[in-house]
Structures are given as C-alpha cells and as structure tokens.
Amino acid sequence: MGAEPTPRREVVTGAPAGRTRAAYSDSSAHDDAVVRKLMHRQVRVGLVACSLLALPLGLFPLVFRLLPAGDTGQGAVWLLLGVAPYPVLVATGAWYVRRAERNEGDVSGR
C-alpha cells in the first residue's frame, strides 16, 4: 500500500539514430520549391476570386445610377442589395475552396 515509485526519466544526449534532416539536403530544396509553387498558385486563385467578387459588386453603383427614381427604383435597389450579392458570394466561395483543395491535393499527392 505504499506509494508507487516514480518512473525513471531518460536523458537523450546523442544524435538521433537514422537519417537526420541534414541527410536530405536535396529534399529540403525540393520541398521549398514545392511550397513556393503552392503559395503562388494559392495567391493566384485568391486574386481571381477577389476579381470575381469585385467586378459584379463594383458595378452596383452604376446599376443604381441607371435605375429610375421613385418607388420602383427604391424597391429594385433593396432587391439588388438584399438578394443579388449572395449567389455571387456563395458561388465564388465554393469555387475558391475547390481550387484551393485541388492545389493542395496536387502537392500532397492525394
């Protein structure tokens, strides 16, 4: 009924057995290039997604200017502001996620 002895601690003082990171000198350069390429592809996809969002949403002031003044124009403005942006946002978001996952899958080999 006595206290259990505390487990002994191991102290590692030597280099790990097997291959270390230094043994993969060409691999680290390859990994850096792959990551850099993935980053460029992801930035490109992000810029395209921003463009796809900015173009239709940026044209709203022009569309509002062309609408007739009065009750019909006011209803159309609220309809455009309340309904029109959401399908564009959802479609662009879905496209971006698919492309980003495809880019990462290409790198990881999935």
Protein backbone atom coordinates (compact mmCIF):
# COMPACT_ATOMS: atom_id res chain seq x y z
CA MET A 1 0.00 0.00 0.00
CA GLY A 2 2.97 2.25 -0.35
CA ALA A 3 3.44 4.88 -2.99
CA GLU A 4 4.43 3.67 -6.40
CA PRO A 5 7.94 4.65 -7.48
CA THR A 6 8.14 7.50 -9.95
CA PRO A 7 9.16 6.42 -13.44
CA ARG A 8 12.77 6.96 -14.37
CA ARG A 9 13.48 9.82 -16.76
CA GLU A 10 15.53 9.18 -19.86
CA VAL A 11 18.02 11.82 -20.95
CA VAL A 12 19.00 11.86 -24.62
CA THR A 13 22.43 13.29 -25.17
CA GLY A 14 23.37 11.95 -28.59
CA ALA A 15 22.24 12.49 -32.15
CA PRO A 16 19.12 10.60 -33.18
CA ALA A 17 19.66 7.26 -34.86
CA GLY A 18 18.92 7.01 -38.54
CA ARG A 19 18.76 9.75 -41.12
CA THR A 20 18.54 13.33 -39.98
CA ARG A 21 17.35 16.45 -41.78
CA ALA A 22 20.91 17.10 -42.97
CA ALA A 23 20.84 13.80 -44.85
CA TYR A 24 18.01 15.15 -47.02
CA SER A 25 19.77 18.22 -48.37
CA ASP A 26 18.27 17.91 -51.86
CA SER A 27 14.86 17.11 -50.41
CA SER A 28 14.64 20.33 -48.42
CA ALA A 29 15.38 22.37 -51.54
CA HIS A 30 12.72 20.41 -53.39
CA ASP A 31 10.23 20.93 -50.54
CA ASP A 32 10.92 24.67 -50.52
CA ALA A 33 10.28 24.85 -54.27
CA VAL A 34 7.05 22.87 -53.94
CA VAL A 35 5.80 25.08 -51.12
CA ARG A 36 6.73 28.22 -53.05
CA LYS A 37 4.86 26.93 -56.11
CA LEU A 38 1.82 26.09 -53.97
CA MET A 39 1.88 29.56 -52.43
CA HIS A 40 1.99 31.20 -55.86
CA ARG A 41 -0.92 29.08 -57.06
CA GLN A 42 -2.96 29.89 -53.95
CA VAL A 43 -2.25 33.62 -54.32
CA ARG A 44 -3.31 33.47 -57.96
CA VAL A 45 -6.56 31.70 -57.04
CA GLY A 46 -7.19 34.26 -54.30
CA LEU A 47 -6.68 37.17 -56.69
CA VAL A 48 -9.02 35.62 -59.23
CA ALA A 49 -11.65 35.10 -56.53
CA CYS A 50 -11.31 38.73 -55.42
CA SER A 51 -11.67 39.86 -59.03
CA LEU A 52 -14.76 37.71 -59.50
CA LEU A 53 -16.27 39.37 -56.43
CA ALA A 54 -15.13 42.92 -57.13
CA LEU A 55 -16.39 43.11 -60.70
CA PRO A 56 -20.10 42.43 -60.15
CA LEU A 57 -20.23 44.10 -56.75
CA GLY A 58 -18.23 47.07 -58.02
CA LEU A 59 -20.78 47.63 -60.78
CA PHE A 60 -23.60 48.17 -58.27
CA PRO A 61 -23.19 51.98 -58.17
CA LEU A 62 -23.54 52.10 -61.97
CA VAL A 63 -26.63 49.89 -61.86
CA PHE A 64 -28.13 52.05 -59.12
CA ARG A 65 -27.47 55.16 -61.17
CA LEU A 66 -29.30 53.66 -64.16
CA LEU A 67 -32.39 52.69 -62.15
CA PRO A 68 -35.36 55.04 -62.36
CA ALA A 69 -36.07 57.33 -59.45
CA GLY A 70 -39.17 56.65 -57.40
CA ASP A 71 -40.77 53.68 -55.71
CA THR A 72 -39.84 51.18 -58.42
CA GLY A 73 -36.20 52.21 -58.27
CA GLN A 74 -36.13 52.03 -54.47
CA GLY A 75 -37.59 48.51 -54.48
CA ALA A 76 -35.06 47.40 -57.08
CA VAL A 77 -32.20 48.87 -55.06
CA TRP A 78 -33.21 46.93 -51.96
CA LEU A 79 -33.73 43.78 -54.03
CA LEU A 80 -30.28 44.14 -55.58
CA LEU A 81 -28.64 44.82 -52.23
CA GLY A 82 -30.52 42.12 -50.33
CA VAL A 83 -30.58 39.26 -52.81
CA ALA A 84 -28.14 39.65 -55.71
CA PRO A 85 -24.78 39.53 -53.88
CA TYR A 86 -25.36 36.23 -52.08
CA PRO A 87 -25.38 33.82 -55.04
CA VAL A 88 -22.21 35.52 -56.30
CA LEU A 89 -20.57 35.20 -52.88
CA VAL A 90 -21.58 31.55 -52.44
CA ALA A 91 -20.52 30.54 -55.97
CA THR A 92 -17.17 32.33 -55.70
CA GLY A 93 -16.53 30.86 -52.25
CA ALA A 94 -17.34 27.33 -53.44
CA TRP A 95 -15.10 27.74 -56.48
CA TYR A 96 -12.26 29.07 -54.32
CA VAL A 97 -12.48 26.19 -51.85
CA ARG A 98 -12.49 23.59 -54.65
CA ARG A 99 -9.47 25.18 -56.33
CA ALA A 100 -7.53 25.56 -53.07
CA GLU A 101 -8.16 21.93 -52.13
CA ARG A 102 -7.17 20.80 -55.62
CA ASN A 103 -3.92 22.81 -55.40
CA GLU A 104 -3.09 21.27 -52.02
CA GLY A 105 -4.03 17.81 -53.28
CA ASP A 106 -1.68 18.22 -56.24
CA VAL A 107 1.18 18.96 -53.85
CA SER A 108 0.42 16.26 -51.30
CA GLY A 109 -0.30 13.62 -53.93
CA ARG A 110 -3.92 13.00 -52.96
